N, C-alpha and C. Protein backbone atom coordinates (compact mmCIF):
# COMPACT_ATOMS: atom_id res chain seq x y z
N MET A 1 -4.53 -15.75 -10.64
CA MET A 1 -5.09 -15.96 -11.96
C MET A 1 -4.86 -14.73 -12.85
N ALA A 2 -4.94 -13.54 -12.29
CA ALA A 2 -4.73 -12.33 -13.08
C ALA A 2 -3.31 -12.28 -13.62
N TRP A 3 -2.34 -12.62 -12.79
CA TRP A 3 -0.95 -12.62 -13.24
C TRP A 3 -0.72 -13.70 -14.31
N ARG A 4 -1.35 -14.84 -14.12
CA ARG A 4 -1.22 -15.91 -15.12
C ARG A 4 -1.74 -15.44 -16.47
N MET A 5 -2.87 -14.71 -16.46
CA MET A 5 -3.44 -14.20 -17.71
C MET A 5 -2.49 -13.19 -18.36
N VAL A 6 -1.90 -12.30 -17.55
CA VAL A 6 -0.97 -11.31 -18.09
C VAL A 6 0.22 -12.00 -18.74
N MET A 7 0.78 -12.99 -18.06
CA MET A 7 1.96 -13.66 -18.59
C MET A 7 1.65 -14.44 -19.87
N ARG A 8 0.46 -14.97 -19.98
CA ARG A 8 0.08 -15.67 -21.21
C ARG A 8 0.02 -14.70 -22.39
N ARG A 9 -0.39 -13.49 -22.13
CA ARG A 9 -0.55 -12.50 -23.20
C ARG A 9 0.77 -11.86 -23.60
N VAL A 10 1.82 -12.05 -22.80
CA VAL A 10 3.13 -11.47 -23.11
C VAL A 10 4.15 -12.60 -23.14
N PRO A 11 4.20 -13.35 -24.23
CA PRO A 11 5.08 -14.53 -24.29
C PRO A 11 6.55 -14.21 -24.05
N ALA A 12 7.01 -13.02 -24.47
CA ALA A 12 8.42 -12.66 -24.28
C ALA A 12 8.73 -12.33 -22.83
N LYS A 13 7.70 -12.16 -22.01
CA LYS A 13 7.85 -11.83 -20.58
C LYS A 13 8.63 -10.53 -20.37
N SER A 14 8.47 -9.59 -21.29
CA SER A 14 9.10 -8.28 -21.16
C SER A 14 8.03 -7.28 -20.76
N LEU A 15 8.07 -6.85 -19.51
CA LEU A 15 7.01 -6.02 -18.95
C LEU A 15 7.60 -4.89 -18.12
N THR A 16 6.87 -3.80 -18.03
CA THR A 16 7.13 -2.78 -17.01
C THR A 16 5.89 -2.75 -16.13
N VAL A 17 6.07 -3.06 -14.87
CA VAL A 17 4.96 -3.12 -13.92
C VAL A 17 5.17 -2.03 -12.88
N VAL A 18 4.16 -1.20 -12.69
CA VAL A 18 4.24 -0.14 -11.69
C VAL A 18 3.18 -0.40 -10.64
N GLY A 19 3.57 -0.36 -9.38
CA GLY A 19 2.60 -0.60 -8.32
C GLY A 19 3.15 -0.19 -6.97
N ASP A 20 2.26 -0.05 -6.02
CA ASP A 20 2.63 0.33 -4.66
C ASP A 20 2.10 -0.75 -3.72
N LEU A 21 3.00 -1.62 -3.27
CA LEU A 21 2.57 -2.72 -2.39
C LEU A 21 2.01 -2.22 -1.07
N ALA A 22 2.38 -1.01 -0.67
CA ALA A 22 1.83 -0.45 0.57
C ALA A 22 0.34 -0.21 0.47
N GLN A 23 -0.21 -0.16 -0.74
CA GLN A 23 -1.64 0.06 -0.92
C GLN A 23 -2.42 -1.23 -1.09
N THR A 24 -1.79 -2.37 -0.85
CA THR A 24 -2.48 -3.65 -0.97
C THR A 24 -3.49 -3.79 0.15
N GLY A 25 -4.77 -3.79 -0.21
CA GLY A 25 -5.82 -3.87 0.80
C GLY A 25 -6.36 -5.27 0.99
N SER A 26 -6.23 -6.11 -0.02
CA SER A 26 -6.78 -7.46 0.05
C SER A 26 -5.84 -8.38 0.82
N ALA A 27 -6.42 -9.25 1.64
CA ALA A 27 -5.61 -10.23 2.36
C ALA A 27 -4.91 -11.18 1.39
N ALA A 28 -5.46 -11.33 0.20
CA ALA A 28 -4.85 -12.19 -0.82
C ALA A 28 -3.88 -11.43 -1.71
N GLY A 29 -3.67 -10.15 -1.43
CA GLY A 29 -2.81 -9.33 -2.27
C GLY A 29 -1.33 -9.64 -2.10
N ALA A 30 -0.54 -9.08 -2.99
CA ALA A 30 0.91 -9.33 -2.99
C ALA A 30 1.58 -8.72 -1.77
N ARG A 31 2.52 -9.46 -1.21
CA ARG A 31 3.33 -8.96 -0.10
C ARG A 31 4.72 -8.53 -0.57
N SER A 32 5.15 -9.04 -1.73
CA SER A 32 6.43 -8.65 -2.30
C SER A 32 6.38 -8.89 -3.81
N TRP A 33 7.26 -8.21 -4.55
CA TRP A 33 7.31 -8.41 -5.99
C TRP A 33 7.85 -9.79 -6.33
N GLY A 34 8.75 -10.30 -5.49
CA GLY A 34 9.25 -11.64 -5.73
C GLY A 34 8.16 -12.68 -5.66
N GLU A 35 7.26 -12.53 -4.71
CA GLU A 35 6.14 -13.46 -4.57
C GLU A 35 5.28 -13.47 -5.83
N VAL A 36 5.14 -12.31 -6.45
CA VAL A 36 4.30 -12.19 -7.64
C VAL A 36 5.03 -12.67 -8.90
N LEU A 37 6.28 -12.28 -9.05
CA LEU A 37 6.98 -12.47 -10.33
C LEU A 37 7.82 -13.74 -10.43
N ASP A 38 8.36 -14.22 -9.31
CA ASP A 38 9.25 -15.38 -9.38
C ASP A 38 8.60 -16.63 -9.97
N PRO A 39 7.33 -16.90 -9.71
CA PRO A 39 6.73 -18.10 -10.33
C PRO A 39 6.77 -18.09 -11.86
N TYR A 40 6.88 -16.90 -12.45
CA TYR A 40 6.86 -16.79 -13.91
C TYR A 40 8.24 -16.43 -14.48
N LEU A 41 9.04 -15.69 -13.71
CA LEU A 41 10.30 -15.15 -14.24
C LEU A 41 11.54 -15.70 -13.53
N GLU A 42 11.35 -16.47 -12.48
CA GLU A 42 12.44 -17.16 -11.78
C GLU A 42 13.64 -16.25 -11.52
N GLY A 43 13.39 -15.10 -10.94
CA GLY A 43 14.47 -14.19 -10.59
C GLY A 43 14.96 -13.30 -11.71
N ARG A 44 14.43 -13.43 -12.89
CA ARG A 44 14.87 -12.62 -14.03
C ARG A 44 14.06 -11.32 -14.11
N TRP A 45 14.07 -10.57 -13.04
CA TRP A 45 13.38 -9.29 -13.01
C TRP A 45 14.17 -8.34 -12.11
N ARG A 46 13.92 -7.07 -12.28
CA ARG A 46 14.64 -6.04 -11.52
C ARG A 46 13.64 -5.05 -10.94
N GLU A 47 13.85 -4.66 -9.70
CA GLU A 47 12.99 -3.69 -9.03
C GLU A 47 13.69 -2.34 -8.94
N GLU A 48 13.00 -1.30 -9.33
CA GLU A 48 13.47 0.08 -9.17
C GLU A 48 12.44 0.81 -8.33
N ARG A 49 12.86 1.38 -7.23
CA ARG A 49 11.91 2.08 -6.36
C ARG A 49 11.81 3.54 -6.76
N LEU A 50 10.59 4.01 -6.92
CA LEU A 50 10.32 5.40 -7.27
C LEU A 50 10.03 6.15 -5.97
N LEU A 51 10.93 6.99 -5.55
CA LEU A 51 10.84 7.60 -4.22
C LEU A 51 10.64 9.12 -4.27
N VAL A 52 10.31 9.64 -5.45
CA VAL A 52 10.00 11.07 -5.56
C VAL A 52 8.50 11.21 -5.80
N ASN A 53 7.87 12.02 -4.98
CA ASN A 53 6.41 12.17 -5.03
C ASN A 53 6.08 13.57 -5.56
N TYR A 54 5.51 13.62 -6.75
CA TYR A 54 5.14 14.89 -7.35
C TYR A 54 3.70 15.29 -7.04
N ARG A 55 2.88 14.34 -6.61
CA ARG A 55 1.46 14.60 -6.45
C ARG A 55 1.10 15.10 -5.05
N THR A 56 1.62 14.46 -4.04
CA THR A 56 1.18 14.72 -2.67
C THR A 56 2.05 15.79 -2.01
N PRO A 57 1.45 16.86 -1.47
CA PRO A 57 2.25 17.87 -0.78
C PRO A 57 2.99 17.29 0.43
N ALA A 58 4.10 17.90 0.78
CA ALA A 58 4.94 17.40 1.87
C ALA A 58 4.16 17.32 3.19
N GLU A 59 3.29 18.29 3.44
CA GLU A 59 2.55 18.30 4.71
C GLU A 59 1.66 17.06 4.82
N ILE A 60 1.01 16.68 3.73
CA ILE A 60 0.15 15.50 3.74
C ILE A 60 1.00 14.23 3.76
N MET A 61 2.12 14.25 3.05
CA MET A 61 2.97 13.05 2.99
C MET A 61 3.56 12.72 4.35
N ARG A 62 3.79 13.72 5.19
CA ARG A 62 4.29 13.43 6.55
C ARG A 62 3.26 12.61 7.34
N VAL A 63 1.99 12.94 7.18
CA VAL A 63 0.92 12.16 7.83
C VAL A 63 0.90 10.74 7.25
N ALA A 64 0.96 10.65 5.92
CA ALA A 64 0.93 9.34 5.27
C ALA A 64 2.14 8.50 5.68
N ALA A 65 3.31 9.13 5.83
CA ALA A 65 4.51 8.39 6.23
C ALA A 65 4.36 7.81 7.63
N ASP A 66 3.68 8.52 8.53
CA ASP A 66 3.41 7.96 9.87
C ASP A 66 2.60 6.68 9.76
N VAL A 67 1.58 6.71 8.90
CA VAL A 67 0.73 5.52 8.71
C VAL A 67 1.54 4.39 8.09
N LEU A 68 2.36 4.72 7.11
CA LEU A 68 3.18 3.71 6.44
C LEU A 68 4.15 3.05 7.42
N ARG A 69 4.80 3.86 8.25
CA ARG A 69 5.75 3.29 9.23
C ARG A 69 5.06 2.35 10.20
N ALA A 70 3.81 2.65 10.54
CA ALA A 70 3.08 1.83 11.51
C ALA A 70 2.59 0.52 10.91
N PHE A 71 2.18 0.54 9.64
CA PHE A 71 1.48 -0.63 9.08
C PHE A 71 2.22 -1.31 7.93
N ALA A 72 3.21 -0.65 7.37
CA ALA A 72 4.01 -1.28 6.31
C ALA A 72 5.45 -0.81 6.47
N PRO A 73 6.08 -1.13 7.59
CA PRO A 73 7.41 -0.57 7.89
C PRO A 73 8.48 -0.98 6.90
N GLU A 74 8.24 -2.04 6.14
CA GLU A 74 9.22 -2.46 5.14
C GLU A 74 9.22 -1.56 3.91
N GLN A 75 8.19 -0.72 3.78
CA GLN A 75 8.08 0.19 2.64
C GLN A 75 8.69 1.55 2.98
N GLU A 76 9.43 2.11 2.05
CA GLU A 76 10.04 3.42 2.25
C GLU A 76 9.12 4.50 1.70
N PRO A 77 8.76 5.49 2.54
CA PRO A 77 7.84 6.52 2.03
C PRO A 77 8.53 7.40 1.00
N PRO A 78 7.81 7.79 -0.06
CA PRO A 78 8.40 8.70 -1.04
C PRO A 78 8.56 10.10 -0.45
N VAL A 79 9.43 10.87 -1.06
CA VAL A 79 9.69 12.24 -0.62
C VAL A 79 8.97 13.20 -1.55
N SER A 80 8.15 14.06 -0.98
CA SER A 80 7.41 15.03 -1.78
C SER A 80 8.32 16.16 -2.21
N VAL A 81 8.11 16.66 -3.43
CA VAL A 81 8.97 17.72 -3.96
C VAL A 81 8.33 19.09 -3.84
N ARG A 82 7.12 19.15 -3.30
CA ARG A 82 6.47 20.46 -3.18
C ARG A 82 5.73 20.58 -1.86
N ASP A 83 5.61 21.81 -1.41
CA ASP A 83 4.81 22.11 -0.23
C ASP A 83 3.38 22.39 -0.65
N GLY A 84 2.47 22.21 0.29
CA GLY A 84 1.06 22.44 0.01
C GLY A 84 0.59 23.80 0.48
N GLU A 85 -0.69 24.02 0.34
CA GLU A 85 -1.27 25.32 0.69
C GLU A 85 -1.82 25.34 2.11
N ALA A 86 -1.97 24.17 2.73
CA ALA A 86 -2.55 24.13 4.08
C ALA A 86 -2.07 22.87 4.80
N GLU A 87 -1.92 22.99 6.11
CA GLU A 87 -1.59 21.82 6.91
C GLU A 87 -2.81 20.90 6.97
N PRO A 88 -2.60 19.59 6.86
CA PRO A 88 -3.74 18.68 7.07
C PRO A 88 -4.26 18.81 8.49
N ARG A 89 -5.52 18.51 8.68
CA ARG A 89 -6.10 18.71 10.01
C ARG A 89 -7.09 17.61 10.35
N ALA A 90 -7.34 17.46 11.63
CA ALA A 90 -8.38 16.55 12.13
C ALA A 90 -9.48 17.39 12.76
N VAL A 91 -10.72 17.00 12.52
CA VAL A 91 -11.88 17.71 13.06
C VAL A 91 -12.79 16.70 13.72
N ARG A 92 -13.11 16.93 14.98
CA ARG A 92 -14.09 16.08 15.66
C ARG A 92 -15.48 16.59 15.30
N LEU A 93 -16.26 15.73 14.63
CA LEU A 93 -17.52 16.19 14.05
C LEU A 93 -18.42 14.99 13.81
N PRO A 94 -19.72 15.08 14.12
CA PRO A 94 -20.62 14.00 13.72
C PRO A 94 -20.79 14.00 12.21
N VAL A 95 -21.14 12.85 11.65
CA VAL A 95 -21.32 12.74 10.21
C VAL A 95 -22.35 13.74 9.70
N SER A 96 -23.34 14.05 10.51
CA SER A 96 -24.37 15.00 10.09
C SER A 96 -23.81 16.39 9.79
N GLY A 97 -22.63 16.70 10.31
CA GLY A 97 -22.01 18.00 10.07
C GLY A 97 -21.15 18.05 8.82
N LEU A 98 -21.06 16.94 8.09
CA LEU A 98 -20.20 16.90 6.91
C LEU A 98 -20.57 17.90 5.82
N PRO A 99 -21.85 18.08 5.49
CA PRO A 99 -22.17 19.02 4.39
C PRO A 99 -21.61 20.41 4.60
N GLU A 100 -21.69 20.93 5.81
CA GLU A 100 -21.16 22.27 6.08
C GLU A 100 -19.64 22.29 5.94
N LEU A 101 -18.97 21.29 6.49
CA LEU A 101 -17.52 21.21 6.39
C LEU A 101 -17.08 21.09 4.93
N VAL A 102 -17.75 20.23 4.17
CA VAL A 102 -17.41 20.03 2.77
C VAL A 102 -17.64 21.32 1.98
N ALA A 103 -18.69 22.04 2.28
CA ALA A 103 -18.95 23.32 1.58
C ALA A 103 -17.81 24.30 1.83
N ARG A 104 -17.29 24.35 3.06
CA ARG A 104 -16.16 25.23 3.36
C ARG A 104 -14.91 24.80 2.59
N GLU A 105 -14.68 23.48 2.54
CA GLU A 105 -13.51 22.99 1.81
C GLU A 105 -13.62 23.29 0.32
N LEU A 106 -14.80 23.13 -0.24
CA LEU A 106 -15.00 23.47 -1.66
C LEU A 106 -14.72 24.94 -1.93
N ALA A 107 -15.13 25.79 -1.00
CA ALA A 107 -14.87 27.23 -1.16
C ALA A 107 -13.36 27.50 -1.16
N GLU A 108 -12.62 26.74 -0.37
CA GLU A 108 -11.17 26.93 -0.30
C GLU A 108 -10.47 26.52 -1.59
N ILE A 109 -10.96 25.47 -2.24
CA ILE A 109 -10.26 24.98 -3.44
C ILE A 109 -10.80 25.59 -4.72
N GLY A 110 -11.89 26.34 -4.65
CA GLY A 110 -12.41 26.99 -5.84
C GLY A 110 -13.02 26.01 -6.82
N GLU A 111 -12.42 25.87 -7.98
CA GLU A 111 -12.98 25.03 -9.05
C GLU A 111 -12.62 23.56 -8.92
N GLY A 112 -11.95 23.16 -7.88
CA GLY A 112 -11.46 21.78 -7.77
C GLY A 112 -12.54 20.78 -7.40
N ARG A 113 -12.08 19.54 -7.21
CA ARG A 113 -12.98 18.44 -6.86
C ARG A 113 -12.60 17.89 -5.50
N LEU A 114 -13.59 17.40 -4.77
CA LEU A 114 -13.39 16.91 -3.41
C LEU A 114 -13.88 15.48 -3.29
N GLY A 115 -13.07 14.63 -2.69
CA GLY A 115 -13.45 13.25 -2.43
C GLY A 115 -13.69 13.04 -0.95
N VAL A 116 -14.80 12.41 -0.62
CA VAL A 116 -15.10 12.01 0.76
C VAL A 116 -14.87 10.51 0.82
N VAL A 117 -13.90 10.08 1.61
CA VAL A 117 -13.51 8.67 1.67
C VAL A 117 -13.97 8.09 2.99
N THR A 118 -14.72 6.99 2.92
CA THR A 118 -15.36 6.43 4.10
C THR A 118 -15.01 4.94 4.27
N PRO A 119 -15.22 4.41 5.47
CA PRO A 119 -15.19 2.95 5.60
C PRO A 119 -16.33 2.34 4.78
N ASP A 120 -16.18 1.09 4.39
CA ASP A 120 -17.23 0.43 3.59
C ASP A 120 -18.59 0.54 4.25
N ALA A 121 -18.63 0.30 5.56
CA ALA A 121 -19.91 0.22 6.27
C ALA A 121 -20.62 1.57 6.38
N ARG A 122 -19.92 2.67 6.12
CA ARG A 122 -20.54 3.98 6.30
C ARG A 122 -20.78 4.72 4.99
N ARG A 123 -20.44 4.10 3.87
CA ARG A 123 -20.56 4.81 2.61
C ARG A 123 -22.00 5.25 2.32
N ALA A 124 -22.95 4.35 2.49
CA ALA A 124 -24.35 4.69 2.18
C ALA A 124 -24.84 5.82 3.08
N GLU A 125 -24.49 5.76 4.35
CA GLU A 125 -24.88 6.80 5.30
C GLU A 125 -24.36 8.17 4.87
N VAL A 126 -23.09 8.21 4.48
CA VAL A 126 -22.47 9.48 4.08
C VAL A 126 -22.99 9.91 2.71
N ALA A 127 -23.16 8.97 1.79
CA ALA A 127 -23.61 9.31 0.43
C ALA A 127 -24.99 9.96 0.44
N ARG A 128 -25.83 9.62 1.40
CA ARG A 128 -27.16 10.23 1.48
C ARG A 128 -27.08 11.74 1.69
N LEU A 129 -25.97 12.21 2.26
CA LEU A 129 -25.79 13.64 2.51
C LEU A 129 -25.37 14.40 1.25
N PHE A 130 -24.93 13.66 0.22
CA PHE A 130 -24.44 14.27 -1.02
C PHE A 130 -25.08 13.55 -2.21
N PRO A 131 -26.36 13.81 -2.47
CA PRO A 131 -27.11 13.00 -3.44
C PRO A 131 -26.60 13.09 -4.87
N ASP A 132 -25.87 14.13 -5.22
CA ASP A 132 -25.40 14.26 -6.61
C ASP A 132 -23.94 13.85 -6.74
N GLY A 133 -23.48 12.97 -5.88
CA GLY A 133 -22.06 12.66 -5.79
C GLY A 133 -21.54 11.60 -6.72
N ASP A 134 -21.77 11.73 -8.05
CA ASP A 134 -21.12 10.78 -8.97
C ASP A 134 -19.71 11.28 -9.27
N LEU A 135 -18.95 10.52 -10.05
CA LEU A 135 -17.54 10.85 -10.27
C LEU A 135 -17.31 12.17 -10.99
N ASP A 136 -18.33 12.69 -11.69
CA ASP A 136 -18.18 13.96 -12.38
C ASP A 136 -18.61 15.15 -11.52
N ALA A 137 -19.15 14.88 -10.36
CA ALA A 137 -19.65 15.96 -9.50
C ALA A 137 -18.49 16.59 -8.72
N PRO A 138 -18.69 17.81 -8.22
CA PRO A 138 -17.63 18.45 -7.42
C PRO A 138 -17.31 17.67 -6.14
N VAL A 139 -18.31 16.93 -5.62
CA VAL A 139 -18.11 16.11 -4.41
C VAL A 139 -18.51 14.68 -4.73
N VAL A 140 -17.63 13.73 -4.42
CA VAL A 140 -17.94 12.32 -4.63
C VAL A 140 -17.62 11.55 -3.35
N VAL A 141 -18.50 10.62 -3.00
CA VAL A 141 -18.32 9.79 -1.80
C VAL A 141 -17.90 8.40 -2.23
N LEU A 142 -16.77 7.93 -1.70
CA LEU A 142 -16.19 6.66 -2.11
C LEU A 142 -15.68 5.87 -0.91
N THR A 143 -15.68 4.56 -1.05
CA THR A 143 -14.94 3.74 -0.10
C THR A 143 -13.46 3.82 -0.46
N VAL A 144 -12.62 3.27 0.40
CA VAL A 144 -11.18 3.27 0.11
C VAL A 144 -10.90 2.52 -1.18
N THR A 145 -11.52 1.36 -1.36
CA THR A 145 -11.29 0.57 -2.57
C THR A 145 -11.70 1.35 -3.82
N GLN A 146 -12.82 2.06 -3.75
CA GLN A 146 -13.28 2.85 -4.90
C GLN A 146 -12.36 4.04 -5.17
N ALA A 147 -11.74 4.58 -4.13
CA ALA A 147 -10.88 5.76 -4.27
C ALA A 147 -9.47 5.41 -4.74
N LYS A 148 -9.09 4.15 -4.64
CA LYS A 148 -7.73 3.75 -4.99
C LYS A 148 -7.42 4.11 -6.44
N GLY A 149 -6.28 4.77 -6.65
CA GLY A 149 -5.88 5.17 -7.99
C GLY A 149 -6.42 6.52 -8.42
N LEU A 150 -7.34 7.10 -7.64
CA LEU A 150 -7.90 8.41 -7.98
C LEU A 150 -7.21 9.50 -7.17
N GLU A 151 -7.37 10.74 -7.60
CA GLU A 151 -6.85 11.86 -6.83
C GLU A 151 -7.84 13.01 -6.88
N PHE A 152 -7.82 13.81 -5.82
CA PHE A 152 -8.75 14.93 -5.68
C PHE A 152 -7.98 16.13 -5.15
N ASP A 153 -8.47 17.33 -5.46
CA ASP A 153 -7.84 18.52 -4.91
C ASP A 153 -7.91 18.51 -3.38
N ALA A 154 -9.06 18.13 -2.86
CA ALA A 154 -9.23 18.03 -1.41
C ALA A 154 -9.87 16.69 -1.08
N VAL A 155 -9.50 16.16 0.07
CA VAL A 155 -10.06 14.90 0.53
C VAL A 155 -10.50 15.06 1.98
N VAL A 156 -11.69 14.55 2.27
CA VAL A 156 -12.17 14.43 3.64
C VAL A 156 -12.26 12.95 3.95
N VAL A 157 -11.45 12.49 4.89
CA VAL A 157 -11.46 11.09 5.32
C VAL A 157 -12.38 11.00 6.52
N VAL A 158 -13.41 10.17 6.41
CA VAL A 158 -14.41 10.03 7.47
C VAL A 158 -14.14 8.76 8.27
N ASP A 159 -14.14 8.89 9.60
CA ASP A 159 -14.05 7.75 10.52
C ASP A 159 -12.78 6.91 10.27
N PRO A 160 -11.60 7.48 10.53
CA PRO A 160 -10.37 6.72 10.31
C PRO A 160 -10.30 5.46 11.16
N ALA A 161 -10.89 5.48 12.36
CA ALA A 161 -10.90 4.28 13.20
C ALA A 161 -11.70 3.18 12.52
N GLY A 162 -12.78 3.53 11.84
CA GLY A 162 -13.58 2.55 11.11
C GLY A 162 -12.81 1.97 9.94
N ILE A 163 -12.02 2.80 9.26
CA ILE A 163 -11.18 2.30 8.16
C ILE A 163 -10.15 1.32 8.70
N LEU A 164 -9.52 1.66 9.81
CA LEU A 164 -8.52 0.75 10.40
C LEU A 164 -9.14 -0.57 10.81
N ALA A 165 -10.38 -0.54 11.30
CA ALA A 165 -11.00 -1.74 11.86
C ALA A 165 -11.69 -2.62 10.82
N GLN A 166 -11.86 -2.12 9.60
CA GLN A 166 -12.71 -2.86 8.66
C GLN A 166 -12.06 -4.11 8.08
N SER A 167 -10.74 -4.25 8.19
CA SER A 167 -10.09 -5.46 7.69
C SER A 167 -8.72 -5.61 8.33
N ALA A 168 -8.12 -6.76 8.10
CA ALA A 168 -6.77 -6.99 8.61
C ALA A 168 -5.77 -6.05 7.95
N GLN A 169 -6.11 -5.51 6.80
CA GLN A 169 -5.24 -4.57 6.08
C GLN A 169 -5.74 -3.13 6.25
N GLY A 170 -6.43 -2.87 7.34
CA GLY A 170 -7.01 -1.54 7.55
C GLY A 170 -5.98 -0.42 7.58
N GLY A 171 -4.78 -0.70 8.06
CA GLY A 171 -3.74 0.32 8.08
C GLY A 171 -3.32 0.73 6.68
N ARG A 172 -3.24 -0.24 5.80
CA ARG A 172 -2.91 0.06 4.40
C ARG A 172 -4.06 0.82 3.73
N ASP A 173 -5.30 0.47 4.11
CA ASP A 173 -6.45 1.22 3.59
C ASP A 173 -6.38 2.68 4.02
N LEU A 174 -5.99 2.91 5.28
CA LEU A 174 -5.88 4.30 5.75
C LEU A 174 -4.79 5.04 4.99
N TYR A 175 -3.70 4.34 4.67
CA TYR A 175 -2.63 4.95 3.87
C TYR A 175 -3.18 5.38 2.50
N VAL A 176 -3.97 4.53 1.88
CA VAL A 176 -4.59 4.90 0.61
C VAL A 176 -5.46 6.14 0.79
N ALA A 177 -6.28 6.15 1.83
CA ALA A 177 -7.23 7.25 2.03
C ALA A 177 -6.52 8.60 2.18
N VAL A 178 -5.44 8.63 2.96
CA VAL A 178 -4.80 9.92 3.23
C VAL A 178 -3.86 10.36 2.09
N THR A 179 -3.67 9.52 1.08
CA THR A 179 -2.80 9.92 -0.04
C THR A 179 -3.58 10.24 -1.31
N ARG A 180 -4.88 10.45 -1.22
CA ARG A 180 -5.67 10.80 -2.42
C ARG A 180 -5.67 12.30 -2.70
N ALA A 181 -5.25 13.12 -1.74
CA ALA A 181 -5.38 14.58 -1.88
C ALA A 181 -4.14 15.19 -2.53
N THR A 182 -4.37 16.15 -3.44
CA THR A 182 -3.26 16.88 -4.05
C THR A 182 -3.08 18.27 -3.44
N ARG A 183 -4.08 18.71 -2.62
CA ARG A 183 -3.97 20.06 -2.04
C ARG A 183 -4.32 20.11 -0.57
N ARG A 184 -5.47 19.54 -0.19
CA ARG A 184 -5.94 19.69 1.19
C ARG A 184 -6.46 18.36 1.72
N LEU A 185 -6.16 18.08 3.00
CA LEU A 185 -6.62 16.85 3.66
C LEU A 185 -7.26 17.20 5.00
N THR A 186 -8.47 16.70 5.21
CA THR A 186 -9.17 16.83 6.49
C THR A 186 -9.63 15.45 6.92
N VAL A 187 -9.36 15.11 8.17
CA VAL A 187 -9.80 13.84 8.73
C VAL A 187 -10.89 14.13 9.75
N VAL A 188 -12.05 13.52 9.55
CA VAL A 188 -13.21 13.74 10.44
C VAL A 188 -13.39 12.52 11.31
N HIS A 189 -13.47 12.75 12.63
CA HIS A 189 -13.64 11.64 13.57
C HIS A 189 -14.66 12.03 14.63
N GLU A 190 -15.41 11.03 15.08
CA GLU A 190 -16.40 11.26 16.14
C GLU A 190 -15.85 10.84 17.50
N GLY A 191 -15.10 9.73 17.54
CA GLY A 191 -14.48 9.28 18.78
C GLY A 191 -13.05 9.78 18.87
N GLU A 192 -12.20 8.99 19.52
CA GLU A 192 -10.80 9.37 19.64
C GLU A 192 -10.09 9.20 18.30
N LEU A 193 -9.18 10.10 18.01
CA LEU A 193 -8.37 10.00 16.81
C LEU A 193 -7.37 8.85 16.98
N PRO A 194 -7.25 7.96 16.01
CA PRO A 194 -6.28 6.87 16.14
C PRO A 194 -4.87 7.42 16.38
N PRO A 195 -4.09 6.78 17.27
CA PRO A 195 -2.75 7.29 17.59
C PRO A 195 -1.86 7.49 16.37
N VAL A 196 -2.05 6.67 15.33
CA VAL A 196 -1.20 6.80 14.14
C VAL A 196 -1.39 8.14 13.44
N LEU A 197 -2.50 8.83 13.76
CA LEU A 197 -2.76 10.16 13.18
C LEU A 197 -2.52 11.28 14.19
N SER A 198 -1.71 11.00 15.21
CA SER A 198 -1.50 11.98 16.29
C SER A 198 -0.88 13.28 15.78
N ARG A 199 -0.20 13.23 14.64
CA ARG A 199 0.36 14.45 14.05
C ARG A 199 -0.73 15.48 13.76
N LEU A 200 -1.96 14.99 13.54
CA LEU A 200 -3.08 15.89 13.23
C LEU A 200 -3.73 16.44 14.49
N GLY A 201 -3.44 15.82 15.64
CA GLY A 201 -4.10 16.22 16.89
C GLY A 201 -3.64 17.57 17.34
């Protein structure tokens, strides 16, 4: 219905559409551009892949590329043009230890902003630890869906196994989570780290 509305508003059907199908989290989401556009344009469209990544440091993109290869192998990971300031890391830690970890990360980034990305089922639990966490605060707690399209200097991904398990598209959700950081990435887990994140082990 959303695409139908867009096409009605653009009678000439001349559009530039930018999107990343690897970040499709909904089971009803697009699997290919042809699936989305052919009903309206009947093959009269062209795809150009943007494969240069200016936002995500190479160290973080290597982790994201592992996730992409596992859960969206038809998608080609972009190549980062810059190195970051720190290697991404995994920390085994109970959720109750998040405030101390987040305080250390904030000290590392100085004036920047930090996003804590959680599975849907754990957002309220984690948000209670950061009561002032609205979008203008130095620390904000978000689900993957809420974090989509946003970027932060540092990101703490909480319970990656929970993100993977929360839906049939959990792997794509994890890809979204690990690509929100522009400087530093930390993955916090209580149980075993999912094999797809073994680079962090």
